[in-house]
Amino acid sequence: MPGVPKAKVKSRIVLTPQHAKRLLKAMAENIQRFEASHGVITEGETPNIPLNFGPTGQA
């Protein structure tokens, strides 16, 4: 994206849909535990990211 430094991939994980769902469930459970003992996690403002990735095509 213009004006944003390019991120470098450090590592990747490949999951089956079943394992991805189990990971999602485990993370949600851990977040609930954290919030129960430390308070609600605030998300902050969503940055205004343009969704146009370059010039538009012409038909």
PDB file of N, CA and C in Angstrom:
ATOM      1  N   MET A   1       0.836  -1.171   0.000  1.00  0.00           N
ATOM      2  CA  MET A   1       0.000   0.000   0.000  1.00  0.00           C
ATOM      3  C   MET A   1       0.887   1.242   0.000  1.00  0.00           C
ATOM      4  N   PRO A   2       0.495   2.270  -0.690  1.00  0.00           N
ATOM      5  CA  PRO A   2       1.314   3.481  -0.756  1.00  0.00           C
ATOM      6  C   PRO A   2       1.500   4.127   0.613  1.00  0.00           C
ATOM      7  N   GLY A   3       2.718   4.550   0.898  1.00  0.00           N
ATOM      8  CA  GLY A   3       2.991   5.244   2.144  1.00  0.00           C
ATOM      9  C   GLY A   3       3.136   4.366   3.369  1.00  0.00           C
ATOM     10  N   VAL A   4       3.010   3.063   3.211  1.00  0.00           N
ATOM     11  CA  VAL A   4       3.127   2.141   4.337  1.00  0.00           C
ATOM     12  C   VAL A   4       4.345   1.262   4.092  1.00  0.00           C
ATOM     13  N   PRO A   5       5.246   1.148   5.077  1.00  0.00           N
ATOM     14  CA  PRO A   5       6.413   0.295   4.875  1.00  0.00           C
ATOM     15  C   PRO A   5       5.996  -1.155   4.635  1.00  0.00           C
ATOM     16  N   LYS A   6       6.694  -1.809   3.728  1.00  0.00           N
ATOM     17  CA  LYS A   6       6.361  -3.193   3.396  1.00  0.00           C
ATOM     18  C   LYS A   6       6.772  -4.111   4.534  1.00  0.00           C
ATOM     19  N   ALA A   7       5.855  -4.946   4.965  1.00  0.00           N
ATOM     20  CA  ALA A   7       6.130  -5.896   6.037  1.00  0.00           C
ATOM     21  C   ALA A   7       6.853  -7.107   5.468  1.00  0.00           C
ATOM     22  N   LYS A   8       7.731  -7.685   6.269  1.00  0.00           N
ATOM     23  CA  LYS A   8       8.447  -8.888   5.855  1.00  0.00           C
ATOM     24  C   LYS A   8       7.862 -10.079   6.590  1.00  0.00           C
ATOM     25  N   VAL A   9       7.643 -11.161   5.879  1.00  0.00           N
ATOM     26  CA  VAL A   9       7.114 -12.378   6.487  1.00  0.00           C
ATOM     27  C   VAL A   9       8.246 -13.059   7.238  1.00  0.00           C
ATOM     28  N   LYS A  10       8.035 -13.298   8.533  1.00  0.00           N
ATOM     29  CA  LYS A  10       9.041 -13.980   9.349  1.00  0.00           C
ATOM     30  C   LYS A  10       8.818 -15.485   9.332  1.00  0.00           C
ATOM     31  N   SER A  11       7.568 -15.900   9.416  1.00  0.00           N
ATOM     32  CA  SER A  11       7.245 -17.321   9.375  1.00  0.00           C
ATOM     33  C   SER A  11       5.779 -17.479   9.006  1.00  0.00           C
ATOM     34  N   ARG A  12       5.445 -18.646   8.554  1.00  0.00           N
ATOM     35  CA  ARG A  12       4.067 -18.960   8.174  1.00  0.00           C
ATOM     36  C   ARG A  12       3.653 -20.258   8.839  1.00  0.00           C
ATOM     37  N   ILE A  13       2.354 -20.392   9.033  1.00  0.00           N
ATOM     38  CA  ILE A  13       1.831 -21.673   9.500  1.00  0.00           C
ATOM     39  C   ILE A  13       0.754 -22.120   8.525  1.00  0.00           C
ATOM     40  N   VAL A  14       0.683 -23.390   8.304  1.00  0.00           N
ATOM     41  CA  VAL A  14      -0.332 -23.965   7.427  1.00  0.00           C
ATOM     42  C   VAL A  14      -1.190 -24.882   8.284  1.00  0.00           C
ATOM     43  N   LEU A  15      -2.493 -24.613   8.266  1.00  0.00           N
ATOM     44  CA  LEU A  15      -3.423 -25.378   9.089  1.00  0.00           C
ATOM     45  C   LEU A  15      -4.549 -25.937   8.235  1.00  0.00           C
ATOM     46  N   THR A  16      -5.037 -27.081   8.640  1.00  0.00           N
ATOM     47  CA  THR A  16      -6.262 -27.587   8.032  1.00  0.00           C
ATOM     48  C   THR A  16      -7.416 -26.749   8.580  1.00  0.00           C
ATOM     49  N   PRO A  17      -8.537 -26.728   7.915  1.00  0.00           N
ATOM     50  CA  PRO A  17      -9.685 -25.980   8.450  1.00  0.00           C
ATOM     51  C   PRO A  17     -10.076 -26.442   9.857  1.00  0.00           C
ATOM     52  N   GLN A  18      -9.959 -27.737  10.125  1.00  0.00           N
ATOM     53  CA  GLN A  18     -10.310 -28.256  11.451  1.00  0.00           C
ATOM     54  C   GLN A  18      -9.364 -27.714  12.523  1.00  0.00           C
ATOM     55  N   HIS A  19      -8.053 -27.695  12.220  1.00  0.00           N
ATOM     56  CA  HIS A  19      -7.098 -27.181  13.193  1.00  0.00           C
ATOM     57  C   HIS A  19      -7.225 -25.659  13.354  1.00  0.00           C
ATOM     58  N   ALA A  20      -7.550 -24.968  12.276  1.00  0.00           N
ATOM     59  CA  ALA A  20      -7.747 -23.522  12.367  1.00  0.00           C
ATOM     60  C   ALA A  20      -8.925 -23.206  13.290  1.00  0.00           C
ATOM     61  N   LYS A  21      -9.983 -23.991  13.191  1.00  0.00           N
ATOM     62  CA  LYS A  21     -11.149 -23.773  14.044  1.00  0.00           C
ATOM     63  C   LYS A  21     -10.809 -24.063  15.505  1.00  0.00           C
ATOM     64  N   ARG A  22     -10.005 -25.111  15.749  1.00  0.00           N
ATOM     65  CA  ARG A  22      -9.592 -25.429  17.113  1.00  0.00           C
ATOM     66  C   ARG A  22      -8.704 -24.319  17.681  1.00  0.00           C
ATOM     67  N   LEU A  23      -7.823 -23.765  16.858  1.00  0.00           N
ATOM     68  CA  LEU A  23      -6.975 -22.658  17.288  1.00  0.00           C
ATOM     69  C   LEU A  23      -7.826 -21.436  17.630  1.00  0.00           C
ATOM     70  N   LEU A  24      -8.807 -21.125  16.784  1.00  0.00           N
ATOM     71  CA  LEU A  24      -9.709 -20.009  17.038  1.00  0.00           C
ATOM     72  C   LEU A  24     -10.440 -20.189  18.365  1.00  0.00           C
ATOM     73  N   LYS A  25     -10.927 -21.388  18.611  1.00  0.00           N
ATOM     74  CA  LYS A  25     -11.648 -21.664  19.854  1.00  0.00           C
ATOM     75  C   LYS A  25     -10.718 -21.515  21.064  1.00  0.00           C
ATOM     76  N   ALA A  26      -9.489 -22.023  20.965  1.00  0.00           N
ATOM     77  CA  ALA A  26      -8.534 -21.922  22.067  1.00  0.00           C
ATOM     78  C   ALA A  26      -8.174 -20.470  22.341  1.00  0.00           C
ATOM     79  N   MET A  27      -7.971 -19.678  21.286  1.00  0.00           N
ATOM     80  CA  MET A  27      -7.633 -18.271  21.477  1.00  0.00           C
ATOM     81  C   MET A  27      -8.792 -17.510  22.113  1.00  0.00           C
ATOM     82  N   ALA A  28     -10.023 -17.778  21.672  1.00  0.00           N
ATOM     83  CA  ALA A  28     -11.199 -17.118  22.243  1.00  0.00           C
ATOM     84  C   ALA A  28     -11.333 -17.457  23.730  1.00  0.00           C
ATOM     85  N   GLU A  29     -11.078 -18.703  24.069  1.00  0.00           N
ATOM     86  CA  GLU A  29     -11.164 -19.134  25.463  1.00  0.00           C
ATOM     87  C   GLU A  29     -10.099 -18.431  26.313  1.00  0.00           C
ATOM     88  N   ASN A  30      -8.893 -18.317  25.778  1.00  0.00           N
ATOM     89  CA  ASN A  30      -7.819 -17.643  26.515  1.00  0.00           C
ATOM     90  C   ASN A  30      -8.092 -16.147  26.670  1.00  0.00           C
ATOM     91  N   ILE A  31      -8.679 -15.523  25.662  1.00  0.00           N
ATOM     92  CA  ILE A  31      -9.040 -14.110  25.773  1.00  0.00           C
ATOM     93  C   ILE A  31     -10.110 -13.920  26.841  1.00  0.00           C
ATOM     94  N   GLN A  32     -11.087 -14.812  26.892  1.00  0.00           N
ATOM     95  CA  GLN A  32     -12.128 -14.718  27.925  1.00  0.00           C
ATOM     96  C   GLN A  32     -11.522 -14.828  29.316  1.00  0.00           C
ATOM     97  N   ARG A  33     -10.583 -15.754  29.490  1.00  0.00           N
ATOM     98  CA  ARG A  33      -9.925 -15.907  30.796  1.00  0.00           C
ATOM     99  C   ARG A  33      -9.142 -14.644  31.160  1.00  0.00           C
ATOM    100  N   PHE A  34      -8.415 -14.096  30.187  1.00  0.00           N
ATOM    101  CA  PHE A  34      -7.627 -12.890  30.435  1.00  0.00           C
ATOM    102  C   PHE A  34      -8.529 -11.735  30.840  1.00  0.00           C
ATOM    103  N   GLU A  35      -9.626 -11.536  30.086  1.00  0.00           N
ATOM    104  CA  GLU A  35     -10.534 -10.434  30.386  1.00  0.00           C
ATOM    105  C   GLU A  35     -11.230 -10.624  31.726  1.00  0.00           C
ATOM    106  N   ALA A  36     -11.480 -11.863  32.106  1.00  0.00           N
ATOM    107  CA  ALA A  36     -12.117 -12.117  33.398  1.00  0.00           C
ATOM    108  C   ALA A  36     -11.215 -11.688  34.555  1.00  0.00           C
ATOM    109  N   SER A  37      -9.898 -11.834  34.385  1.00  0.00           N
ATOM    110  CA  SER A  37      -9.001 -11.474  35.475  1.00  0.00           C
ATOM    111  C   SER A  37      -8.385 -10.092  35.342  1.00  0.00           C
ATOM    112  N   HIS A  38      -8.321  -9.519  34.132  1.00  0.00           N
ATOM    113  CA  HIS A  38      -7.649  -8.239  33.933  1.00  0.00           C
ATOM    114  C   HIS A  38      -8.551  -7.130  33.396  1.00  0.00           C
ATOM    115  N   GLY A  39      -9.766  -7.431  33.046  1.00  0.00           N
ATOM    116  CA  GLY A  39     -10.665  -6.421  32.482  1.00  0.00           C
ATOM    117  C   GLY A  39     -10.740  -6.539  30.968  1.00  0.00           C
ATOM    118  N   VAL A  40     -11.683  -5.827  30.410  1.00  0.00           N
ATOM    119  CA  VAL A  40     -11.965  -5.911  28.978  1.00  0.00           C
ATOM    120  C   VAL A  40     -10.827  -5.312  28.156  1.00  0.00           C
ATOM    121  N   ILE A  41     -10.479  -5.962  27.074  1.00  0.00           N
ATOM    122  CA  ILE A  41      -9.466  -5.471  26.151  1.00  0.00           C
ATOM    123  C   ILE A  41     -10.164  -4.536  25.169  1.00  0.00           C
ATOM    124  N   THR A  42      -9.680  -3.284  25.094  1.00  0.00           N
ATOM    125  CA  THR A  42     -10.270  -2.345  24.142  1.00  0.00           C
ATOM    126  C   THR A  42      -9.561  -2.477  22.799  1.00  0.00           C
ATOM    127  N   GLU A  43     -10.296  -2.321  21.730  1.00  0.00           N
ATOM    128  CA  GLU A  43      -9.750  -2.511  20.395  1.00  0.00           C
ATOM    129  C   GLU A  43      -9.126  -1.258  19.814  1.00  0.00           C
ATOM    130  N   GLY A  44      -9.487  -0.089  20.292  1.00  0.00           N
ATOM    131  CA  GLY A  44      -8.933   1.142  19.749  1.00  0.00           C
ATOM    132  C   GLY A  44      -9.586   1.488  18.427  1.00  0.00           C
ATOM    133  N   GLU A  45      -9.075   2.560  17.824  1.00  0.00           N
ATOM    134  CA  GLU A  45      -9.654   3.023  16.565  1.00  0.00           C
ATOM    135  C   GLU A  45      -9.194   2.166  15.400  1.00  0.00           C
ATOM    136  N   THR A  46     -10.070   2.002  14.432  1.00  0.00           N
ATOM    137  CA  THR A  46      -9.727   1.284  13.218  1.00  0.00           C
ATOM    138  C   THR A  46      -9.096   2.267  12.246  1.00  0.00           C
ATOM    139  N   PRO A  47      -7.885   1.974  11.749  1.00  0.00           N
ATOM    140  CA  PRO A  47      -7.253   2.910  10.818  1.00  0.00           C
ATOM    141  C   PRO A  47      -8.017   2.980   9.500  1.00  0.00           C
ATOM    142  N   ASN A  48      -8.014   4.157   8.895  1.00  0.00           N
ATOM    143  CA  ASN A  48      -8.698   4.350   7.624  1.00  0.00           C
ATOM    144  C   ASN A  48      -7.778   3.866   6.497  1.00  0.00           C
ATOM    145  N   ILE A  49      -7.973   2.636   6.067  1.00  0.00           N
ATOM    146  CA  ILE A  49      -7.123   2.033   5.047  1.00  0.00           C
ATOM    147  C   ILE A  49      -7.868   2.054   3.712  1.00  0.00           C
ATOM    148  N   PRO A  50      -7.282   2.676   2.697  1.00  0.00           N
ATOM    149  CA  PRO A  50      -7.948   2.677   1.392  1.00  0.00           C
ATOM    150  C   PRO A  50      -7.961   1.274   0.795  1.00  0.00           C
ATOM    151  N   LEU A  51      -9.054   0.932   0.153  1.00  0.00           N
ATOM    152  CA  LEU A  51      -9.181  -0.407  -0.422  1.00  0.00           C
ATOM    153  C   LEU A  51      -8.922  -0.445  -1.922  1.00  0.00           C
ATOM    154  N   ASN A  52      -8.353   0.614  -2.466  1.00  0.00           N
ATOM    155  CA  ASN A  52      -8.005   0.578  -3.882  1.00  0.00           C
ATOM    156  C   ASN A  52      -6.513   0.267  -3.987  1.00  0.00           C
ATOM    157  N   PHE A  53      -6.174  -0.837  -4.585  1.00  0.00           N
ATOM    158  CA  PHE A  53      -4.808  -1.309  -4.672  1.00  0.00           C
ATOM    159  C   PHE A  53      -4.236  -1.010  -6.052  1.00  0.00           C
ATOM    160  N   GLY A  54      -4.109   0.226  -6.389  1.00  0.00           N
ATOM    161  CA  GLY A  54      -3.529   0.598  -7.678  1.00  0.00           C
ATOM    162  C   GLY A  54      -4.572   1.172  -8.614  1.00  0.00           C
ATOM    163  N   PRO A  55      -4.176   1.385  -9.855  1.00  0.00           N
ATOM    164  CA  PRO A  55      -5.098   1.996 -10.812  1.00  0.00           C
ATOM    165  C   PRO A  55      -6.273   1.074 -11.128  1.00  0.00           C
ATOM    166  N   THR A  56      -7.412   1.697 -11.397  1.00  0.00           N
ATOM    167  CA  THR A  56      -8.600   0.916 -11.732  1.00  0.00           C
ATOM    168  C   THR A  56      -8.535   0.494 -13.190  1.00  0.00           C
ATOM    169  N   GLY A  57      -9.046  -0.671 -13.494  1.00  0.00           N
ATOM    170  CA  GLY A  57      -9.033  -1.172 -14.859  1.00  0.00           C
ATOM    171  C   GLY A  57     -10.127  -0.565 -15.695  1.00  0.00           C
ATOM    172  N   GLN A  58      -9.959  -0.610 -16.977  1.00  0.00           N
ATOM    173  CA  GLN A  58     -10.967  -0.103 -17.889  1.00  0.00           C
ATOM    174  C   GLN A  58     -11.471  -1.247 -18.761  1.00  0.00           C
ATOM    175  N   ALA A  59     -12.779  -1.252 -18.982  1.00  0.00           N
ATOM    176  CA  ALA A  59     -13.384  -2.306 -19.781  1.00  0.00           C
ATOM    177  C   ALA A  59     -13.259  -2.031 -21.263  1.00  0.00           C
TER     178      ALA A  59
END
